[in-house]
Amino acid sequence: MALDFTKHFIQYEALVQVVDGVFDRVKQEYPKEVFCREKCSDCCYAIFDMPLIEALYLKAKFLEKFSGKTKNDILETADKTDRALVKLKRAAYKKVQAGADQLEIVGRMSQERVRCPLLGSDDLCMLYEFRPITCRIYGIPTSTAGASHICGRTNFIQGHAYPTLNMDKLYTQLQLLSAQLIKDIKSRNIKMHEMLIPVSMALVTDFNEEYLGVRQNG
């Protein structure tokens, strides 16, 4: 029997609405600072990972929207992208193991640019309505581990005080949603909610019962 994530996706979409509301309020308050506009694809080259709930949601919406050659072409691109990301992460891991400063390596990784497999040739997102939360808030000030971040294309000035979205709290909520999902499907992999998954990997992965560690009856 196919796994049903309807309840969990509704909870995720509720969080998305809250995040969209935060973005809209900041954009209304700082219209000159928020640069986001159609075909500004700067955030589509950023490297980031998603919690499990987002990965499952994105894959489900991808399968709903695409089929045939278009679907296969995107999956082929995603596979190539995922290989490139694995190579980058492996190199970064080796540097940390060799004694390099972890924060410095993470900083360098954040500056790497890898094209999202969902970015079309027209520089528009092919799954825009269902894009991850990281994509939705890219143009407003955020903070992670006490450090503030702003998009380089905005007119926000580093060091000035602005309404700032705390990404640590947001990702905690996403992990809690992921943890509840894992509990509800009675997965053997009780720590799977801690996974962080790139967009490319989410697209190429078959999130079936075996992958999710769902317990079999009997």
C-alpha atoms as a PDB file:
ATOM      1  CA  MET A   1       0.000   0.000   0.000  1.00  0.00           C
ATOM      2  CA  ALA A   2       1.346   3.424  -0.982  1.00  0.00           C
ATOM      3  CA  LEU A   3       2.340   5.707   1.867  1.00  0.00           C
ATOM      4  CA  ASP A   4      -0.020   8.626   2.438  1.00  0.00           C
ATOM      5  CA  PHE A   5       1.631  11.895   3.478  1.00  0.00           C
ATOM      6  CA  THR A   6      -1.435  14.088   2.977  1.00  0.00           C
ATOM      7  CA  LYS A   7      -1.681  15.108   6.633  1.00  0.00           C
ATOM      8  CA  HIS A   8       2.007  15.899   6.840  1.00  0.00           C
ATOM      9  CA  PHE A   9       1.985  17.878   3.596  1.00  0.00           C
ATOM     10  CA  ILE A  10      -0.931  19.991   4.874  1.00  0.00           C
ATOM     11  CA  GLN A  11       1.089  20.824   7.987  1.00  0.00           C
ATOM     12  CA  TYR A  12       4.097  21.681   5.838  1.00  0.00           C
ATOM     13  CA  GLU A  13       2.001  23.918   3.572  1.00  0.00           C
ATOM     14  CA  ALA A  14       0.710  25.749   6.656  1.00  0.00           C
ATOM     15  CA  LEU A  15       4.310  26.548   7.603  1.00  0.00           C
ATOM     16  CA  VAL A  16       4.992  27.666   4.033  1.00  0.00           C
ATOM     17  CA  GLN A  17       2.094  30.120   4.275  1.00  0.00           C
ATOM     18  CA  VAL A  18       3.590  31.599   7.440  1.00  0.00           C
ATOM     19  CA  VAL A  19       6.994  31.969   5.762  1.00  0.00           C
ATOM     20  CA  ASP A  20       5.439  33.555   2.666  1.00  0.00           C
ATOM     21  CA  GLY A  21       3.660  35.990   4.962  1.00  0.00           C
ATOM     22  CA  VAL A  22       6.955  36.982   6.602  1.00  0.00           C
ATOM     23  CA  PHE A  23       8.548  37.543   3.186  1.00  0.00           C
ATOM     24  CA  ASP A  24       5.608  39.643   1.989  1.00  0.00           C
ATOM     25  CA  ARG A  25       5.671  41.822   5.109  1.00  0.00           C
ATOM     26  CA  VAL A  26       9.395  42.506   4.774  1.00  0.00           C
ATOM     27  CA  LYS A  27       8.977  43.243   1.058  1.00  0.00           C
ATOM     28  CA  GLN A  28       6.148  45.705   1.786  1.00  0.00           C
ATOM     29  CA  GLU A  29       8.150  47.415   4.522  1.00  0.00           C
ATOM     30  CA  TYR A  30      11.381  47.516   2.515  1.00  0.00           C
ATOM     31  CA  PRO A  31      10.323  47.683  -1.168  1.00  0.00           C
ATOM     32  CA  LYS A  32      13.588  49.324  -2.263  1.00  0.00           C
ATOM     33  CA  GLU A  33      15.735  46.771  -0.463  1.00  0.00           C
ATOM     34  CA  VAL A  34      14.091  43.533  -1.666  1.00  0.00           C
ATOM     35  CA  PHE A  35      15.377  42.933  -5.192  1.00  0.00           C
ATOM     36  CA  CYS A  36      13.460  39.714  -6.004  1.00  0.00           C
ATOM     37  CA  ARG A  37      11.798  39.775  -9.418  1.00  0.00           C
ATOM     38  CA  GLU A  38      10.990  37.449 -12.287  1.00  0.00           C
ATOM     39  CA  LYS A  39      14.049  35.826 -13.886  1.00  0.00           C
ATOM     40  CA  CYS A  40      16.364  36.878 -11.071  1.00  0.00           C
ATOM     41  CA  SER A  41      17.799  33.400 -10.614  1.00  0.00           C
ATOM     42  CA  ASP A  42      20.681  34.142  -8.240  1.00  0.00           C
ATOM     43  CA  CYS A  43      19.191  31.921  -5.528  1.00  0.00           C
ATOM     44  CA  CYS A  44      18.817  29.091  -8.075  1.00  0.00           C
ATOM     45  CA  TYR A  45      22.584  28.573  -7.976  1.00  0.00           C
ATOM     46  CA  ALA A  46      22.867  28.440  -4.183  1.00  0.00           C
ATOM     47  CA  ILE A  47      23.794  25.153  -2.512  1.00  0.00           C
ATOM     48  CA  PHE A  48      21.402  24.110   0.237  1.00  0.00           C
ATOM     49  CA  ASP A  49      19.809  20.972   1.682  1.00  0.00           C
ATOM     50  CA  MET A  50      16.227  20.296   2.734  1.00  0.00           C
ATOM     51  CA  PRO A  51      14.755  18.400   5.694  1.00  0.00           C
ATOM     52  CA  LEU A  52      12.996  15.136   4.833  1.00  0.00           C
ATOM     53  CA  ILE A  53       9.455  16.587   4.830  1.00  0.00           C
ATOM     54  CA  GLU A  54      10.449  19.119   2.160  1.00  0.00           C
ATOM     55  CA  ALA A  55      12.232  16.520   0.055  1.00  0.00           C
ATOM     56  CA  LEU A  56       9.174  14.248   0.091  1.00  0.00           C
ATOM     57  CA  TYR A  57       6.871  17.162  -0.731  1.00  0.00           C
ATOM     58  CA  LEU A  58       9.015  18.390  -3.612  1.00  0.00           C
ATOM     59  CA  LYS A  59       9.306  14.912  -5.112  1.00  0.00           C
ATOM     60  CA  ALA A  60       5.539  14.349  -4.837  1.00  0.00           C
ATOM     61  CA  LYS A  61       4.766  17.634  -6.603  1.00  0.00           C
ATOM     62  CA  PHE A  62       7.397  16.893  -9.248  1.00  0.00           C
ATOM     63  CA  LEU A  63       5.763  13.540 -10.030  1.00  0.00           C
ATOM     64  CA  GLU A  64       2.337  15.184 -10.166  1.00  0.00           C
ATOM     65  CA  LYS A  65       3.434  17.831 -12.650  1.00  0.00           C
ATOM     66  CA  PHE A  66       5.914  16.130 -14.970  1.00  0.00           C
ATOM     67  CA  SER A  67       5.866  13.013 -17.099  1.00  0.00           C
ATOM     68  CA  GLY A  68       7.410  11.606 -20.250  1.00  0.00           C
ATOM     69  CA  LYS A  69      10.408  13.271 -21.868  1.00  0.00           C
ATOM     70  CA  THR A  70      10.236  16.441 -19.742  1.00  0.00           C
ATOM     71  CA  LYS A  71      10.357  14.389 -16.556  1.00  0.00           C
ATOM     72  CA  ASN A  72      13.246  12.268 -17.836  1.00  0.00           C
ATOM     73  CA  ASP A  73      15.209  15.317 -18.988  1.00  0.00           C
ATOM     74  CA  ILE A  74      14.884  16.943 -15.556  1.00  0.00           C
ATOM     75  CA  LEU A  75      15.902  13.717 -13.821  1.00  0.00           C
ATOM     76  CA  GLU A  76      18.947  13.424 -16.067  1.00  0.00           C
ATOM     77  CA  THR A  77      19.967  16.970 -15.192  1.00  0.00           C
ATOM     78  CA  ALA A  78      19.292  16.307 -11.501  1.00  0.00           C
ATOM     79  CA  ASP A  79      21.491  13.216 -11.591  1.00  0.00           C
ATOM     80  CA  LYS A  80      24.396  15.208 -13.068  1.00  0.00           C
ATOM     81  CA  THR A  81      23.849  17.983 -10.530  1.00  0.00           C
ATOM     82  CA  ASP A  82      23.810  15.509  -7.660  1.00  0.00           C
ATOM     83  CA  ARG A  83      27.090  13.978  -8.803  1.00  0.00           C
ATOM     84  CA  ALA A  84      28.676  17.439  -8.869  1.00  0.00           C
ATOM     85  CA  LEU A  85      27.410  18.192  -5.349  1.00  0.00           C
ATOM     86  CA  VAL A  86      28.712  14.893  -4.002  1.00  0.00           C
ATOM     87  CA  LYS A  87      32.123  15.699  -5.456  1.00  0.00           C
ATOM     88  CA  LEU A  88      32.133  19.156  -3.860  1.00  0.00           C
ATOM     89  CA  LYS A  89      31.023  17.838  -0.468  1.00  0.00           C
ATOM     90  CA  ARG A  90      33.540  15.001  -0.543  1.00  0.00           C
ATOM     91  CA  ALA A  91      36.363  17.467  -1.231  1.00  0.00           C
ATOM     92  CA  ALA A  92      35.162  19.728   1.595  1.00  0.00           C
ATOM     93  CA  TYR A  93      34.964  16.781   3.998  1.00  0.00           C
ATOM     94  CA  LYS A  94      38.536  15.743   3.165  1.00  0.00           C
ATOM     95  CA  LYS A  95      39.780  19.270   3.873  1.00  0.00           C
ATOM     96  CA  VAL A  96      38.059  19.306   7.277  1.00  0.00           C
ATOM     97  CA  GLN A  97      39.500  15.867   8.073  1.00  0.00           C
ATOM     98  CA  ALA A  98      42.937  17.220   7.169  1.00  0.00           C
ATOM     99  CA  GLY A  99      42.563  19.974   9.753  1.00  0.00           C
ATOM    100  CA  ALA A 100      41.007  22.863   7.837  1.00  0.00           C
ATOM    101  CA  ASP A 101      38.670  25.177   9.739  1.00  0.00           C
ATOM    102  CA  GLN A 102      35.151  23.790   9.411  1.00  0.00           C
ATOM    103  CA  LEU A 103      33.412  27.196   9.463  1.00  0.00           C
ATOM    104  CA  GLU A 104      35.775  28.471   6.775  1.00  0.00           C
ATOM    105  CA  ILE A 105      35.055  25.433   4.588  1.00  0.00           C
ATOM    106  CA  VAL A 106      31.313  25.863   5.074  1.00  0.00           C
ATOM    107  CA  GLY A 107      31.710  29.510   4.104  1.00  0.00           C
ATOM    108  CA  ARG A 108      33.513  28.554   0.924  1.00  0.00           C
ATOM    109  CA  MET A 109      30.861  25.955   0.109  1.00  0.00           C
ATOM    110  CA  SER A 110      28.154  28.597   0.447  1.00  0.00           C
ATOM    111  CA  GLN A 111      29.895  30.596  -2.288  1.00  0.00           C
ATOM    112  CA  GLU A 112      29.905  27.700  -4.752  1.00  0.00           C
ATOM    113  CA  ARG A 113      27.385  28.048  -7.574  1.00  0.00           C
ATOM    114  CA  VAL A 114      25.574  24.982  -8.881  1.00  0.00           C
ATOM    115  CA  ARG A 115      22.555  25.410 -11.167  1.00  0.00           C
ATOM    116  CA  CYS A 116      19.336  23.959  -9.751  1.00  0.00           C
ATOM    117  CA  PRO A 117      17.948  21.186 -11.978  1.00  0.00           C
ATOM    118  CA  LEU A 118      14.521  22.818 -11.735  1.00  0.00           C
ATOM    119  CA  LEU A 119      15.740  26.076 -13.271  1.00  0.00           C
ATOM    120  CA  GLY A 120      14.449  26.184 -16.836  1.00  0.00           C
ATOM    121  CA  SER A 121      16.263  27.499 -19.898  1.00  0.00           C
ATOM    122  CA  ASP A 122      14.135  30.662 -19.574  1.00  0.00           C
ATOM    123  CA  ASP A 123      15.576  31.286 -16.080  1.00  0.00           C
ATOM    124  CA  LEU A 124      12.231  30.496 -14.474  1.00  0.00           C
ATOM    125  CA  CYS A 125      11.636  27.801 -11.847  1.00  0.00           C
ATOM    126  CA  MET A 126       9.759  24.863 -13.329  1.00  0.00           C
ATOM    127  CA  LEU A 127       8.194  24.024  -9.959  1.00  0.00           C
ATOM    128  CA  TYR A 128       7.888  27.558  -8.610  1.00  0.00           C
ATOM    129  CA  GLU A 129       4.579  27.132  -6.790  1.00  0.00           C
ATOM    130  CA  PHE A 130       6.054  24.289  -4.745  1.00  0.00           C
ATOM    131  CA  ARG A 131       9.626  25.578  -4.340  1.00  0.00           C
ATOM    132  CA  PRO A 132      11.411  24.899  -1.003  1.00  0.00           C
ATOM    133  CA  ILE A 133      11.267  27.373   1.866  1.00  0.00           C
ATOM    134  CA  THR A 134      14.929  28.339   1.397  1.00  0.00           C
ATOM    135  CA  CYS A 135      14.044  29.581  -2.088  1.00  0.00           C
ATOM    136  CA  ARG A 136      11.049  31.507  -0.754  1.00  0.00           C
ATOM    137  CA  ILE A 137      13.004  33.597   1.768  1.00  0.00           C
ATOM    138  CA  TYR A 138      16.256  34.110  -0.143  1.00  0.00           C
ATOM    139  CA  GLY A 139      15.725  37.824  -0.753  1.00  0.00           C
ATOM    140  CA  ILE A 140      15.183  38.933   2.863  1.00  0.00           C
ATOM    141  CA  PRO A 141      17.602  39.053   5.833  1.00  0.00           C
ATOM    142  CA  THR A 142      18.026  35.735   7.645  1.00  0.00           C
ATOM    143  CA  SER A 143      20.174  34.458  10.493  1.00  0.00           C
ATOM    144  CA  THR A 144      21.811  31.106  11.170  1.00  0.00           C
ATOM    145  CA  ALA A 145      23.793  30.240  14.311  1.00  0.00           C
ATOM    146  CA  GLY A 146      23.782  33.907  15.281  1.00  0.00           C
ATOM    147  CA  ALA A 147      25.216  35.103  11.974  1.00  0.00           C
ATOM    148  CA  SER A 148      23.144  37.276   9.646  1.00  0.00           C
ATOM    149  CA  HIS A 149      22.863  36.692   5.910  1.00  0.00           C
ATOM    150  CA  ILE A 150      21.616  38.865   3.058  1.00  0.00           C
ATOM    151  CA  CYS A 151      21.328  38.224  -0.663  1.00  0.00           C
ATOM    152  CA  GLY A 152      24.107  40.004  -2.560  1.00  0.00           C
ATOM    153  CA  ARG A 153      21.620  41.435  -5.040  1.00  0.00           C
ATOM    154  CA  THR A 154      19.413  43.149  -2.469  1.00  0.00           C
ATOM    155  CA  ASN A 155      19.857  46.688  -1.207  1.00  0.00           C
ATOM    156  CA  PHE A 156      19.964  45.610   2.422  1.00  0.00           C
ATOM    157  CA  ILE A 157      23.152  46.794   4.116  1.00  0.00           C
ATOM    158  CA  GLN A 158      25.146  44.286   6.161  1.00  0.00           C
ATOM    159  CA  GLY A 159      25.303  45.345   9.798  1.00  0.00           C
ATOM    160  CA  HIS A 160      22.116  47.428   9.762  1.00  0.00           C
ATOM    161  CA  ALA A 161      19.094  46.350  11.800  1.00  0.00           C
ATOM    162  CA  TYR A 162      16.273  44.760   9.788  1.00  0.00           C
ATOM    163  CA  PRO A 163      13.506  42.244  10.526  1.00  0.00           C
ATOM    164  CA  THR A 164      15.400  38.955  10.311  1.00  0.00           C
ATOM    165  CA  LEU A 165      14.060  35.443   9.839  1.00  0.00           C
ATOM    166  CA  ASN A 166      15.669  32.967  12.239  1.00  0.00           C
ATOM    167  CA  MET A 167      16.489  29.944  10.077  1.00  0.00           C
ATOM    168  CA  ASP A 168      17.496  27.820  13.068  1.00  0.00           C
ATOM    169  CA  LYS A 169      13.967  28.023  14.488  1.00  0.00           C
ATOM    170  CA  LEU A 170      12.464  27.402  11.077  1.00  0.00           C
ATOM    171  CA  TYR A 171      14.550  24.309  10.455  1.00  0.00           C
ATOM    172  CA  THR A 172      13.721  23.039  13.928  1.00  0.00           C
ATOM    173  CA  GLN A 173      10.039  23.175  12.962  1.00  0.00           C
ATOM    174  CA  LEU A 174      10.763  21.365   9.697  1.00  0.00           C
ATOM    175  CA  GLN A 175      12.683  18.662  11.534  1.00  0.00           C
ATOM    176  CA  LEU A 176       9.818  18.246  13.994  1.00  0.00           C
ATOM    177  CA  LEU A 177       7.434  17.745  11.068  1.00  0.00           C
ATOM    178  CA  SER A 178       9.871  15.224   9.614  1.00  0.00           C
ATOM    179  CA  ALA A 179      10.184  13.434  12.956  1.00  0.00           C
ATOM    180  CA  GLN A 180       6.396  13.160  13.311  1.00  0.00           C
ATOM    181  CA  LEU A 181       6.161  11.764   9.779  1.00  0.00           C
ATOM    182  CA  ILE A 182       8.787   9.118  10.529  1.00  0.00           C
ATOM    183  CA  LYS A 183       6.940   8.198  13.722  1.00  0.00           C
ATOM    184  CA  ASP A 184       3.574   8.000  11.966  1.00  0.00           C
ATOM    185  CA  ILE A 185       4.801   5.650   9.236  1.00  0.00           C
ATOM    186  CA  LYS A 186       6.508   3.502  11.909  1.00  0.00           C
ATOM    187  CA  SER A 187       9.903   3.683  10.235  1.00  0.00           C
ATOM    188  CA  ARG A 188      12.750   1.555  11.582  1.00  0.00           C
ATOM    189  CA  ASN A 189      15.064   4.499  10.852  1.00  0.00           C
ATOM    190  CA  ILE A 190      14.038   6.647  13.793  1.00  0.00           C
ATOM    191  CA  LYS A 191      16.758   9.234  13.098  1.00  0.00           C
ATOM    192  CA  MET A 192      15.877   9.689   9.439  1.00  0.00           C
ATOM    193  CA  HIS A 193      14.264  13.033  10.297  1.00  0.00           C
ATOM    194  CA  GLU A 194      17.791  14.379  10.788  1.00  0.00           C
ATOM    195  CA  MET A 195      18.579  13.894   7.096  1.00  0.00           C
ATOM    196  CA  LEU A 196      19.289  16.926   4.919  1.00  0.00           C
ATOM    197  CA  ILE A 197      18.709  16.377   1.218  1.00  0.00           C
ATOM    198  CA  PRO A 198      19.684  18.531  -1.802  1.00  0.00           C
ATOM    199  CA  VAL A 199      17.013  19.314  -4.399  1.00  0.00           C
ATOM    200  CA  SER A 200      18.829  17.152  -6.958  1.00  0.00           C
ATOM    201  CA  MET A 201      18.867  14.131  -4.646  1.00  0.00           C
ATOM    202  CA  ALA A 202      15.206  14.627  -3.736  1.00  0.00           C
ATOM    203  CA  LEU A 203      14.266  14.465  -7.403  1.00  0.00           C
ATOM    204  CA  VAL A 204      16.225  11.307  -8.237  1.00  0.00           C
ATOM    205  CA  THR A 205      15.418   9.396  -5.040  1.00  0.00           C
ATOM    206  CA  ASP A 206      12.609   6.835  -4.895  1.00  0.00           C
ATOM    207  CA  PHE A 207      11.151   7.452  -1.450  1.00  0.00           C
ATOM    208  CA  ASN A 208       9.518   4.040  -1.247  1.00  0.00           C
ATOM    209  CA  GLU A 209       8.784   1.948   1.840  1.00  0.00           C
ATOM    210  CA  GLU A 210      12.165   0.245   1.695  1.00  0.00           C
ATOM    211  CA  TYR A 211      14.019   3.570   1.554  1.00  0.00           C
ATOM    212  CA  LEU A 212      11.964   5.012   4.405  1.00  0.00           C
ATOM    213  CA  GLY A 213      12.417   1.895   6.549  1.00  0.00           C
ATOM    214  CA  VAL A 214       8.739   1.218   7.011  1.00  0.00           C
ATOM    215  CA  ARG A 215       8.053  -1.808   9.190  1.00  0.00           C
ATOM    216  CA  GLN A 216       6.314  -4.706   7.533  1.00  0.00           C
ATOM    217  CA  ASN A 217       3.452  -6.511   9.250  1.00  0.00           C
ATOM    218  CA  GLY A 218       4.131  -9.956  10.588  1.00  0.00           C
END
